Amino acid sequence: MLSRVLSIEELKKIPEWDILVIGGGATGLGIAVDAAQRGFKTLLVEKNDFAKGTSSRSTKLVHGGVRYLAQGNIKLVVEALRERGYLLANAPHLTRVQHFIIPAYGYFQKWYYGIGLLLYDLLSNRLSLGKPSLLGKNKVLKLLSGISGKGLKGGVMYTDGQFDDARLAISLGLTAADLGATLLNYMAVVELLKKDGKIAGAKLTDELTATTYEVKSKVVINATGVFVDSILDMDDTASPAAVMPSQGVHVVVSKDFFPGEQALMIPKTRDGRVLFAVPWQGAVVIGTTDTPLDQISEEPSALDEEIDFILDHFNQYSQKKIARADVLSVFAGLRPLVKTSNTGSTAFASRDHTILVSPSNLITITGGKWTTYRKMAKDAVNNAAFVAKLPIVKCRTRKLRLHGYDPQIKYGEPLSAYGSDAIQIRKLMEEHPDWGSKLHPHHDHVKAEVIWAVRMEMAMQLEDVLARRLRILFIDAAAAIAVAPEVASLMALELGKSAEWEEEQVGTFVEVAKGYLP
């Protein structure tokens, strides 16, 4: 379980940690799992909630990256395909195999895509999910029933993976805790502590209570995504920028616009990217964009032109056109691309990760993608162990089953995101029948999930539940606003909070949720 009370007790009790991880996104949580699995005393702190940033705002794909193959980045594709296989095996309750179709509007296109995807599958070697297949026009229209048939010559179907990003992040946090790591959300690093010019720990501030702590650590890993430069500046104000931020936007619409189980891949957009339309949690996620940014924020907003870009491209392929008013939710995420001298489009910037070791021994990791989080964590811990002269212990996460692992549970079924924990949630529903009722008539989530999120998954704020423990905000922003008062009431009961707290939480959440409305 993730318990803030128990974690703060550990924070006070441990005189020195082996590894302090700053950042509770995919990379940081993966590092905590790896470090704890090797037996290192590990503390992870996150200024906001786990996966608050980029790690909850992906296209929900576990993939090698078809377009990286077209760019010639074979190394990244091979690495990601390998990691895709490991992740599908280690977290079947949070991942599944997904079929994608690329429509072809010329016979040459059909063969061109087919050959490229055959190479893509060959690169996965023994972890192949199935060979691609060429499809005729009628088969494409049958499988992608919402697609326009005008000029269509056929298509190619290939296989990749899909997942629930924020729920996987919570599973990683629970896995790290199971292995003995200590994790805290809403705990900000406000100062790096040094001894003889080397990082020796950090000063922390509890964002919920304003309490400050000083912790000692043999090594500190900066895994804060697009915010790595702020931690680098704490270490040395002369540090050069490590990140080139880019914004990716997704829109979510009803399955009425794109029925069926196969996903659509639009192979080339105006800016040279690919665009996906992917069935997810009873809706369809369409994206993404790639917009270079000068300014970053903890709650990025989609630009009007980004939303129009997605709708315009999708509508070129769809029989039923999507209008702005049809969009259920819009979400934006920031990519921590590795800073280079290239000043051109970030669409062509590398998705490889990089590790920096400062003269002070601060370890910084940036770049990468969700699919390769485990490999990124392995590299970061290897570097940290070397710098801190920790015992040499090999990484053992390749076959590590993540918290909730249950091969009998089918992805997408009610409560499947909890894996083996679903048994305990059903017990809550049996003990308290009212907790078995739905929060919203159009969504399957029940009240017991709110109780579980607070008791077992360190949900401290209303947004933690509605955005990341449950995914309602990302699927249907208006529904999230509608259930906010009831969810806040359930949380207040568990946390022992006042009516004023409930009112404040609802008000704050509604302001955030408005940014997800089109």
Protein backbone atom coordinates (compact mmCIF):
# COMPACT_ATOMS: atom_id res chain seq x y z
CA MET A 1 0.00 0.00 0.00
CA LEU A 2 0.94 3.66 -0.36
CA SER A 3 0.45 5.40 2.98
CA ARG A 4 1.53 8.98 3.47
CA VAL A 5 1.45 8.66 7.26
CA LEU A 6 3.73 5.61 7.24
CA SER A 7 6.04 7.16 4.63
CA ILE A 8 6.55 10.31 6.72
CA GLU A 9 7.38 8.12 9.71
CA GLU A 10 10.04 6.41 7.56
CA LEU A 11 11.27 9.79 6.38
CA LYS A 12 11.90 10.81 9.99
CA LYS A 13 13.40 7.48 11.02
CA ILE A 14 15.98 6.70 8.31
CA PRO A 15 19.25 8.61 9.04
CA GLU A 16 20.59 8.30 5.49
CA TRP A 17 19.12 6.94 2.26
CA ASP A 18 21.09 5.17 -0.42
CA ILE A 19 19.15 6.84 -3.23
CA LEU A 20 16.84 9.86 -3.23
CA VAL A 21 14.69 10.09 -6.36
CA ILE A 22 13.13 13.45 -7.25
CA GLY A 23 10.08 13.03 -9.48
CA GLY A 24 7.08 10.71 -9.36
CA GLY A 25 6.42 10.17 -13.06
CA ALA A 26 7.13 7.07 -15.13
CA THR A 27 10.92 7.45 -14.95
CA GLY A 28 11.15 8.27 -11.25
CA LEU A 29 8.75 5.51 -10.23
CA GLY A 30 10.62 3.05 -12.44
CA ILE A 31 13.87 4.08 -10.75
CA ALA A 32 12.32 3.53 -7.31
CA VAL A 33 11.25 0.02 -8.34
CA ASP A 34 14.68 -0.85 -9.71
CA ALA A 35 16.60 0.61 -6.76
CA ALA A 36 14.39 -1.08 -4.17
CA GLN A 37 14.61 -4.38 -6.05
CA ARG A 38 18.41 -4.18 -5.74
CA GLY A 39 18.07 -3.70 -1.99
CA PHE A 40 18.95 -0.01 -1.79
CA LYS A 41 17.25 2.21 0.79
CA THR A 42 15.18 4.31 -1.57
CA LEU A 43 13.16 7.48 -1.05
CA LEU A 44 11.07 9.05 -3.82
CA VAL A 45 9.51 12.49 -3.49
CA GLU A 46 7.10 14.20 -5.88
CA LYS A 47 6.07 17.85 -5.64
CA ASN A 48 2.53 17.15 -6.87
CA ASP A 49 0.75 13.82 -7.27
CA PHE A 50 2.28 10.77 -8.89
CA ALA A 51 2.02 11.00 -12.71
CA LYS A 52 0.51 14.49 -12.45
CA GLY A 53 2.47 15.61 -15.51
CA THR A 54 3.43 13.98 -18.78
CA SER A 55 3.09 10.42 -17.46
CA SER A 56 -0.73 10.61 -17.33
CA ARG A 57 -1.11 12.43 -20.66
CA SER A 58 0.22 9.98 -23.26
CA THR A 59 -1.47 8.42 -26.30
CA LYS A 60 -1.88 5.27 -24.15
CA LEU A 61 0.39 3.21 -26.42
CA VAL A 62 3.06 0.67 -25.52
CA HIS A 63 4.94 0.69 -28.80
CA GLY A 64 8.24 0.69 -30.59
CA GLY A 65 7.38 3.81 -32.55
CA VAL A 66 6.67 3.22 -36.23
CA ARG A 67 7.63 6.76 -37.16
CA TYR A 68 11.02 6.43 -35.41
CA LEU A 69 11.69 3.58 -37.81
CA ALA A 70 10.92 5.90 -40.74
CA GLN A 71 13.39 8.40 -39.22
CA GLY A 72 16.06 5.71 -39.14
CA ASN A 73 16.35 5.44 -35.35
CA ILE A 74 16.63 1.65 -35.38
CA LYS A 75 18.28 1.50 -31.95
CA LEU A 76 15.35 3.22 -30.22
CA VAL A 77 12.79 1.08 -32.06
CA VAL A 78 14.53 -2.18 -31.16
CA GLU A 79 14.88 -1.11 -27.52
CA ALA A 80 11.24 0.00 -27.30
CA LEU A 81 9.92 -3.18 -28.96
CA ARG A 82 11.88 -5.27 -26.49
CA GLU A 83 10.55 -3.23 -23.56
CA ARG A 84 7.03 -3.46 -25.01
CA GLY A 85 7.25 -7.23 -24.72
CA TYR A 86 8.45 -7.12 -21.12
CA LEU A 87 5.74 -4.68 -20.07
CA LEU A 88 2.92 -6.66 -21.68
CA ALA A 89 4.15 -9.74 -19.80
CA ASN A 90 4.65 -8.02 -16.43
CA ALA A 91 1.41 -6.02 -16.23
CA PRO A 92 -1.37 -7.86 -18.14
CA HIS A 93 -4.04 -6.14 -16.03
CA LEU A 94 -2.91 -2.73 -17.34
CA THR A 95 -1.83 -3.56 -20.88
CA ARG A 96 -3.23 -5.31 -23.92
CA VAL A 97 -2.45 -6.09 -27.54
CA GLN A 98 -4.07 -3.57 -29.91
CA HIS A 99 -4.54 -3.87 -33.69
CA PHE A 100 -3.85 -0.78 -35.82
CA ILE A 101 -4.81 -0.14 -39.42
CA ILE A 102 -3.08 2.27 -41.79
CA PRO A 103 -5.42 3.09 -44.69
CA ALA A 104 -3.79 3.32 -48.12
CA TYR A 105 -5.05 5.62 -50.86
CA GLY A 106 -2.65 4.31 -53.48
CA TYR A 107 -1.41 0.79 -54.29
CA PHE A 108 2.20 1.90 -53.86
CA GLN A 109 1.34 3.19 -50.35
CA LYS A 110 -0.11 -0.16 -49.40
CA TRP A 111 3.08 -2.04 -50.26
CA TYR A 112 5.34 0.69 -48.87
CA TYR A 113 3.60 0.57 -45.48
CA GLY A 114 3.45 -3.22 -45.59
CA ILE A 115 7.19 -3.60 -46.12
CA GLY A 116 7.97 -1.01 -43.42
CA LEU A 117 5.72 -2.74 -40.90
CA LEU A 118 7.17 -6.13 -41.75
CA LEU A 119 10.59 -4.74 -40.82
CA TYR A 120 9.02 -3.25 -37.65
CA ASP A 121 7.77 -6.71 -36.67
CA LEU A 122 11.09 -8.40 -37.54
CA LEU A 123 12.89 -6.01 -35.20
CA SER A 124 10.78 -7.27 -32.31
CA ASN A 125 12.36 -10.71 -32.84
CA ARG A 126 10.96 -13.33 -30.44
CA LEU A 127 8.74 -10.73 -28.76
CA SER A 128 6.65 -10.29 -31.92
CA LEU A 129 2.93 -9.69 -31.39
CA GLY A 130 2.05 -10.95 -34.87
CA LYS A 131 3.01 -10.24 -38.45
CA PRO A 132 1.36 -7.33 -40.33
CA SER A 133 -1.20 -8.15 -43.01
CA LEU A 134 -2.29 -6.43 -46.21
CA LEU A 135 -6.02 -5.66 -46.37
CA GLY A 136 -8.34 -5.00 -49.28
CA LYS A 137 -10.65 -2.00 -49.40
CA ASN A 138 -13.73 -3.90 -48.19
CA LYS A 139 -11.87 -5.40 -45.24
CA VAL A 140 -10.61 -1.97 -44.17
CA LEU A 141 -14.14 -0.53 -44.38
CA LYS A 142 -15.45 -3.43 -42.31
CA LEU A 143 -12.83 -3.15 -39.58
CA LEU A 144 -12.76 0.68 -39.54
CA SER A 145 -16.49 1.18 -39.97
CA GLY A 146 -16.29 4.94 -39.47
CA ILE A 147 -13.67 5.60 -42.12
CA SER A 148 -14.35 7.26 -45.45
CA GLY A 149 -14.04 4.95 -48.48
CA LYS A 150 -13.40 7.70 -51.00
CA GLY A 151 -10.22 6.85 -52.92
CA LEU A 152 -9.38 4.01 -50.51
CA LYS A 153 -7.29 1.19 -52.04
CA GLY A 154 -6.88 -0.97 -48.95
CA GLY A 155 -4.59 -0.85 -45.95
CA VAL A 156 -2.16 -2.61 -43.64
CA MET A 157 -2.95 -4.00 -40.20
CA TYR A 158 -0.22 -4.34 -37.58
CA THR A 159 -0.08 -4.97 -33.86
CA ASP A 160 1.23 -2.92 -30.96
CA GLY A 161 0.33 -2.47 -27.29
CA GLN A 162 -2.03 -0.27 -25.30
CA PHE A 163 -2.06 0.64 -21.61
CA ASP A 164 -3.48 2.91 -18.94
CA ASP A 165 -0.59 5.28 -18.21
CA ALA A 166 -1.61 6.80 -14.87
CA ARG A 167 -2.78 3.46 -13.49
CA LEU A 168 0.54 1.89 -14.52
CA ALA A 169 2.31 4.69 -12.64
CA ILE A 170 0.30 3.88 -9.50
CA SER A 171 1.13 0.18 -9.98
CA LEU A 172 4.84 1.07 -10.18
CA GLY A 173 4.51 3.09 -6.97
CA LEU A 174 2.82 0.18 -5.22
CA THR A 175 5.47 -2.21 -6.56
CA ALA A 176 8.26 0.01 -5.22
CA ALA A 177 6.51 0.15 -1.84
CA ASP A 178 6.09 -3.64 -1.84
CA LEU A 179 9.86 -3.88 -2.35
CA GLY A 180 10.59 -1.56 0.58
CA ALA A 181 10.89 1.87 -1.03
CA THR A 182 9.38 4.94 0.64
CA LEU A 183 7.31 7.25 -1.58
CA LEU A 184 5.73 10.62 -0.90
CA ASN A 185 3.58 12.80 -3.11
CA TYR A 186 3.14 16.53 -2.39
CA MET A 187 6.70 16.68 -1.05
CA ALA A 188 8.79 19.31 -2.83
CA VAL A 189 12.57 19.59 -2.97
CA VAL A 190 13.39 23.20 -2.14
CA GLU A 191 17.16 22.92 -1.71
CA LEU A 192 19.94 20.46 -2.48
CA LEU A 193 22.27 19.86 0.44
CA LYS A 194 26.00 19.52 -0.20
CA LYS A 195 29.07 18.35 1.65
CA ASP A 196 32.51 19.12 0.25
CA GLY A 197 30.91 20.19 -3.03
CA LYS A 198 29.01 16.93 -3.50
CA ILE A 199 25.25 16.41 -3.19
CA ALA A 200 24.51 14.86 0.20
CA GLY A 201 20.74 15.15 0.45
CA ALA A 202 17.90 17.63 0.15
CA LYS A 203 15.66 19.96 2.06
CA LEU A 204 11.99 19.10 1.56
CA THR A 205 8.74 20.95 2.14
CA ASP A 206 5.44 19.15 2.63
CA GLU A 207 3.05 20.93 0.27
CA LEU A 208 0.03 19.88 2.37
CA THR A 209 1.27 20.88 5.83
CA ALA A 210 4.18 23.28 5.10
CA THR A 211 6.41 21.11 7.34
CA THR A 212 10.09 21.05 6.32
CA TYR A 213 12.48 18.12 6.49
CA GLU A 214 16.16 17.58 5.78
CA VAL A 215 17.13 14.18 4.43
CA LYS A 216 20.57 12.76 3.79
CA SER A 217 21.27 10.55 0.79
CA LYS A 218 24.35 9.00 -0.76
CA VAL A 219 23.13 10.00 -4.22
CA VAL A 220 20.28 12.04 -5.69
CA ILE A 221 18.57 11.32 -9.02
CA ASN A 222 16.78 14.14 -10.82
CA ALA A 223 13.91 12.52 -12.75
CA THR A 224 11.54 15.47 -12.98
CA GLY A 225 10.75 15.38 -16.69
CA VAL A 226 10.30 18.82 -18.23
CA PHE A 227 11.30 20.34 -14.89
CA VAL A 228 14.80 18.81 -14.71
CA ASP A 229 16.37 22.20 -15.43
CA SER A 230 14.92 23.67 -12.23
CA ILE A 231 16.68 21.00 -10.18
CA LEU A 232 19.87 21.47 -12.19
CA ASP A 233 19.69 25.18 -11.36
CA MET A 234 19.45 24.33 -7.64
CA ASP A 235 22.71 22.46 -8.07
CA ASP A 236 24.44 25.06 -10.25
CA THR A 237 22.82 28.21 -11.63
CA ALA A 238 25.26 28.06 -14.55
CA SER A 239 24.01 24.66 -15.68
CA PRO A 240 23.04 24.63 -19.38
CA ALA A 241 19.46 23.71 -20.25
CA ALA A 242 18.98 19.95 -20.61
CA VAL A 243 15.42 19.93 -21.92
CA MET A 244 13.72 21.16 -25.07
CA PRO A 245 10.00 20.99 -24.11
CA SER A 246 7.35 20.06 -26.63
CA GLN A 247 3.58 19.91 -26.13
CA GLY A 248 1.41 17.03 -27.28
CA VAL A 249 -2.38 17.39 -27.27
CA HIS A 250 -5.11 14.75 -27.46
CA VAL A 251 -8.86 15.03 -27.88
CA VAL A 252 -11.34 12.42 -26.64
CA VAL A 253 -14.64 11.74 -28.38
CA SER A 254 -17.49 9.25 -28.14
CA LYS A 255 -17.09 5.89 -29.88
CA ASP A 256 -20.06 6.91 -32.03
CA PHE A 257 -17.53 8.73 -34.21
CA PHE A 258 -15.19 5.78 -34.52
CA PRO A 259 -16.86 2.46 -33.64
CA GLY A 260 -15.00 -0.83 -33.60
CA GLU A 261 -12.00 -2.22 -31.76
CA GLN A 262 -9.22 -1.51 -34.27
CA ALA A 263 -7.20 1.70 -34.01
CA LEU A 264 -6.50 4.06 -36.90
CA MET A 265 -3.03 5.34 -37.72
CA ILE A 266 -2.81 8.32 -40.06
CA PRO A 267 0.73 7.93 -41.41
CA LYS A 268 1.65 11.53 -42.13
CA THR A 269 0.34 14.89 -40.92
CA ARG A 270 1.28 18.37 -42.09
CA ASP A 271 4.12 18.57 -39.56
CA GLY A 272 5.51 15.14 -40.42
CA ARG A 273 4.06 13.29 -37.43
CA VAL A 274 1.63 10.40 -37.32
CA LEU A 275 -1.85 10.69 -35.82
CA PHE A 276 -3.66 7.94 -33.92
CA ALA A 277 -7.34 7.34 -33.17
CA VAL A 278 -7.38 4.68 -30.46
CA PRO A 279 -10.34 3.07 -28.65
CA TRP A 280 -9.76 3.55 -24.91
CA GLN A 281 -12.04 3.06 -21.91
CA GLY A 282 -15.25 3.27 -23.92
CA ALA A 283 -14.18 6.38 -25.81
CA VAL A 284 -11.68 7.27 -28.56
CA VAL A 285 -8.41 9.13 -27.97
CA ILE A 286 -7.14 11.08 -31.00
CA GLY A 287 -3.69 12.63 -31.13
CA THR A 288 -1.12 13.92 -30.94
CA THR A 289 0.52 17.25 -31.79
CA ASP A 290 4.12 18.40 -31.41
CA THR A 291 4.37 22.08 -30.50
CA PRO A 292 7.70 23.56 -29.31
CA LEU A 293 7.31 25.61 -26.13
CA ASP A 294 9.28 28.40 -24.51
CA GLN A 295 7.30 28.33 -21.25
CA ILE A 296 6.23 25.25 -19.27
CA SER A 297 3.58 24.83 -16.60
CA GLU A 298 2.27 22.13 -14.28
CA GLU A 299 -1.14 22.29 -15.96
CA PRO A 300 -0.53 22.87 -19.68
CA SER A 301 -3.42 23.91 -21.91
CA ALA A 302 -4.19 22.92 -25.48
CA LEU A 303 -3.95 25.69 -28.04
CA ASP A 304 -6.96 26.25 -30.28
CA GLU A 305 -4.85 25.56 -33.33
CA GLU A 306 -3.74 22.21 -31.86
CA ILE A 307 -7.34 21.09 -31.36
CA ASP A 308 -8.24 22.25 -34.87
CA PHE A 309 -5.18 20.43 -36.27
CA ILE A 310 -6.33 17.11 -34.75
CA LEU A 311 -9.97 17.49 -35.78
CA ASP A 312 -9.08 18.60 -39.31
CA HIS A 313 -6.81 15.61 -39.90
CA PHE A 314 -9.21 13.08 -38.41
CA ASN A 315 -12.18 14.48 -40.33
CA GLN A 316 -10.34 13.93 -43.61
CA TYR A 317 -10.54 10.19 -42.93
CA SER A 318 -13.88 9.97 -41.12
CA GLN A 319 -17.42 9.63 -42.47
CA LYS A 320 -18.90 11.34 -39.41
CA LYS A 321 -17.26 14.72 -38.86
CA ILE A 322 -16.30 15.84 -35.36
CA ALA A 323 -17.12 19.40 -34.32
CA ARG A 324 -15.55 21.19 -31.37
CA ALA A 325 -18.78 20.71 -29.37
CA ASP A 326 -18.51 16.92 -29.77
CA VAL A 327 -15.23 16.68 -27.87
CA LEU A 328 -15.60 15.15 -24.39
CA SER A 329 -12.15 16.04 -23.08
CA VAL A 330 -8.92 17.68 -24.23
CA PHE A 331 -5.61 17.07 -22.48
CA ALA A 332 -2.11 18.38 -23.05
CA GLY A 333 1.21 16.87 -21.98
CA LEU A 334 4.78 18.13 -22.16
CA ARG A 335 7.59 16.00 -23.58
CA PRO A 336 11.04 16.39 -21.97
CA LEU A 337 13.01 16.12 -25.20
CA VAL A 338 16.78 16.13 -24.87
CA LYS A 339 18.14 19.60 -25.65
CA THR A 340 20.17 19.79 -28.86
CA SER A 341 21.50 22.52 -31.09
CA ASN A 342 18.68 21.75 -33.54
CA THR A 343 16.25 24.67 -33.63
CA GLY A 344 13.87 23.05 -36.12
CA SER A 345 10.66 21.11 -35.52
CA THR A 346 10.54 19.07 -32.30
CA ALA A 347 8.61 16.46 -34.29
CA PHE A 348 11.99 15.21 -35.50
CA ALA A 349 13.82 15.53 -32.19
CA SER A 350 15.20 12.32 -30.71
CA ARG A 351 13.08 10.35 -28.22
CA ASP A 352 16.19 8.68 -26.80
CA HIS A 353 16.99 9.31 -23.15
CA THR A 354 20.20 10.75 -21.79
CA ILE A 355 21.88 10.75 -18.38
CA LEU A 356 23.94 13.66 -17.06
CA VAL A 357 26.29 13.42 -14.09
CA SER A 358 27.06 16.84 -12.62
CA PRO A 359 30.38 17.66 -10.93
CA SER A 360 28.41 17.54 -7.67
CA ASN A 361 27.39 13.92 -8.52
CA LEU A 362 23.76 14.87 -9.15
CA ILE A 363 22.35 12.29 -11.58
CA THR A 364 19.87 13.74 -14.11
CA ILE A 365 17.87 11.63 -16.56
CA THR A 366 15.70 13.11 -19.28
CA GLY A 367 14.16 12.26 -22.63
CA GLY A 368 12.86 8.79 -23.40
CA LYS A 369 9.30 7.53 -23.62
CA TRP A 370 6.84 5.60 -21.44
CA THR A 371 7.53 2.29 -23.15
CA THR A 372 11.22 2.39 -22.26
CA TYR A 373 10.80 3.49 -18.63
CA ARG A 374 12.33 0.24 -17.29
CA LYS A 375 15.50 0.58 -19.38
CA MET A 376 15.78 4.24 -18.40
CA ALA A 377 15.47 3.28 -14.73
CA LYS A 378 18.12 0.60 -15.12
CA ASP A 379 20.59 3.05 -16.66
CA ALA A 380 19.90 5.69 -14.00
CA VAL A 381 20.36 3.30 -11.08
CA ASN A 382 23.54 1.87 -12.61
CA ASN A 383 24.99 5.39 -12.78
CA ALA A 384 23.78 6.29 -9.29
CA ALA A 385 25.25 3.13 -7.76
CA PHE A 386 28.60 3.83 -9.40
CA VAL A 387 28.69 7.46 -8.22
CA ALA A 388 27.64 6.58 -4.65
CA LYS A 389 29.89 3.50 -4.50
CA LEU A 390 26.91 1.33 -3.58
CA PRO A 391 27.22 -2.47 -3.69
CA ILE A 392 27.25 -3.91 -7.21
CA VAL A 393 23.84 -5.50 -7.73
CA LYS A 394 22.51 -6.36 -11.15
CA CYS A 395 19.16 -5.03 -12.38
CA ARG A 396 16.45 -7.68 -11.98
CA THR A 397 13.33 -5.95 -13.25
CA ARG A 398 13.06 -7.57 -16.69
CA LYS A 399 10.75 -10.29 -15.38
CA LEU A 400 9.45 -8.47 -12.31
CA ARG A 401 5.67 -8.80 -12.10
CA LEU A 402 4.17 -5.44 -11.22
CA HIS A 403 1.77 -4.92 -8.32
CA GLY A 404 -1.65 -6.37 -9.10
CA TYR A 405 -0.27 -8.90 -11.60
CA ASP A 406 -2.92 -11.47 -12.43
CA PRO A 407 -2.83 -13.18 -15.84
CA GLN A 408 -6.48 -14.23 -15.42
CA ILE A 409 -7.74 -10.65 -15.41
CA LYS A 410 -8.66 -9.24 -18.81
CA TYR A 411 -7.71 -5.63 -19.51
CA GLY A 412 -10.75 -3.39 -19.78
CA GLU A 413 -13.12 -5.35 -17.56
CA PRO A 414 -14.63 -3.63 -14.48
CA LEU A 415 -11.93 -3.11 -11.82
CA SER A 416 -9.29 -4.77 -14.06
CA ALA A 417 -6.92 -1.82 -13.56
CA TYR A 418 -6.47 -2.95 -9.94
CA GLY A 419 -5.43 -6.47 -10.89
CA SER A 420 -5.40 -8.77 -7.89
CA ASP A 421 -6.45 -5.87 -5.63
CA ALA A 422 -9.91 -5.98 -7.22
CA ILE A 423 -10.84 -8.71 -4.72
CA GLN A 424 -10.37 -6.27 -1.84
CA ILE A 425 -12.42 -3.57 -3.59
CA ARG A 426 -15.27 -6.03 -4.09
CA LYS A 427 -15.09 -6.82 -0.36
CA LEU A 428 -15.56 -3.12 0.37
CA MET A 429 -18.65 -3.19 -1.84
CA GLU A 430 -20.00 -6.22 0.04
CA GLU A 431 -19.39 -4.61 3.44
CA HIS A 432 -20.87 -1.28 2.33
CA PRO A 433 -23.48 -1.91 -0.40
CA ASP A 434 -23.83 1.81 -1.12
CA TRP A 435 -20.16 1.89 -2.17
CA GLY A 436 -21.04 -0.44 -5.02
CA SER A 437 -23.17 2.21 -6.75
CA LYS A 438 -21.86 4.09 -9.77
CA LEU A 439 -20.46 7.59 -9.43
CA HIS A 440 -21.90 8.55 -12.83
CA PRO A 441 -24.51 6.76 -14.98
CA HIS A 442 -22.30 6.88 -18.10
CA HIS A 443 -19.16 5.47 -16.44
CA ASP A 444 -18.44 2.20 -14.63
CA HIS A 445 -16.48 3.60 -11.68
CA VAL A 446 -18.02 2.98 -8.25
CA LYS A 447 -17.74 4.71 -4.88
CA ALA A 448 -15.58 1.93 -3.42
CA GLU A 449 -12.79 2.94 -5.82
CA VAL A 450 -12.65 6.37 -4.21
CA ILE A 451 -12.31 4.80 -0.76
CA TRP A 452 -9.58 2.48 -2.06
CA ALA A 453 -7.69 5.34 -3.71
CA VAL A 454 -7.54 7.21 -0.40
CA ARG A 455 -6.80 4.24 1.83
CA MET A 456 -4.32 2.36 -0.34
CA GLU A 457 -3.04 4.61 -3.16
CA MET A 458 -2.16 7.90 -1.43
CA ALA A 459 -4.86 10.00 -3.13
CA MET A 460 -4.80 13.26 -1.17
CA GLN A 461 -6.68 15.70 -3.39
CA LEU A 462 -9.87 15.50 -5.44
CA GLU A 463 -7.92 15.78 -8.69
CA ASP A 464 -5.78 12.78 -7.71
CA VAL A 465 -8.89 10.59 -7.78
CA LEU A 466 -10.78 12.00 -10.76
CA ALA A 467 -7.75 12.45 -13.02
CA ARG A 468 -5.34 9.64 -12.16
CA ARG A 469 -6.77 6.93 -9.84
CA LEU A 470 -9.95 7.00 -11.92
CA ARG A 471 -9.60 8.43 -15.42
CA ILE A 472 -12.92 10.29 -15.64
CA LEU A 473 -11.39 13.74 -16.20
CA PHE A 474 -9.42 12.47 -19.20
CA ILE A 475 -12.41 10.68 -20.72
CA ASP A 476 -15.31 13.02 -19.97
CA ALA A 477 -14.52 16.35 -18.32
CA ALA A 478 -18.18 17.34 -17.85
CA ALA A 479 -18.89 14.05 -16.05
CA ALA A 480 -15.86 14.62 -13.80
CA ILE A 481 -17.22 18.04 -12.82
CA ALA A 482 -20.66 16.52 -12.16
CA VAL A 483 -19.35 13.86 -9.73
CA ALA A 484 -16.80 16.12 -8.01
CA PRO A 485 -18.99 17.04 -4.97
CA GLU A 486 -19.83 13.40 -4.19
CA VAL A 487 -16.23 12.24 -4.58
CA ALA A 488 -15.01 15.10 -2.38
CA SER A 489 -17.54 14.06 0.27
CA LEU A 490 -16.32 10.45 0.22
CA MET A 491 -12.70 11.59 0.45
CA ALA A 492 -13.45 13.97 3.33
CA LEU A 493 -15.03 11.10 5.25
CA GLU A 494 -11.88 8.98 4.83
CA LEU A 495 -9.37 11.77 5.43
CA GLY A 496 -11.26 13.37 8.31
CA LYS A 497 -11.61 16.68 6.49
CA SER A 498 -14.17 19.45 6.99
CA ALA A 499 -17.01 20.72 4.82
CA GLU A 500 -14.80 23.72 4.04
CA TRP A 501 -12.13 21.36 2.68
CA GLU A 502 -14.73 19.70 0.46
CA GLU A 503 -15.88 23.04 -0.91
CA GLU A 504 -12.33 24.22 -1.56
CA GLN A 505 -11.41 20.95 -3.29
CA VAL A 506 -14.44 21.08 -5.57
CA GLY A 507 -13.78 24.71 -6.48
CA THR A 508 -10.12 24.05 -7.27
CA PHE A 509 -10.90 20.94 -9.27
CA VAL A 510 -13.62 22.59 -11.34
CA GLU A 511 -11.16 25.32 -12.37
CA VAL A 512 -8.67 22.65 -13.50
CA ALA A 513 -11.37 20.61 -15.25
CA LYS A 514 -12.52 23.62 -17.27
CA GLY A 515 -9.18 23.42 -19.06
CA TYR A 516 -10.15 19.94 -20.30
CA LEU A 517 -13.39 21.16 -21.84
CA PRO A 518 -13.21 22.02 -25.55
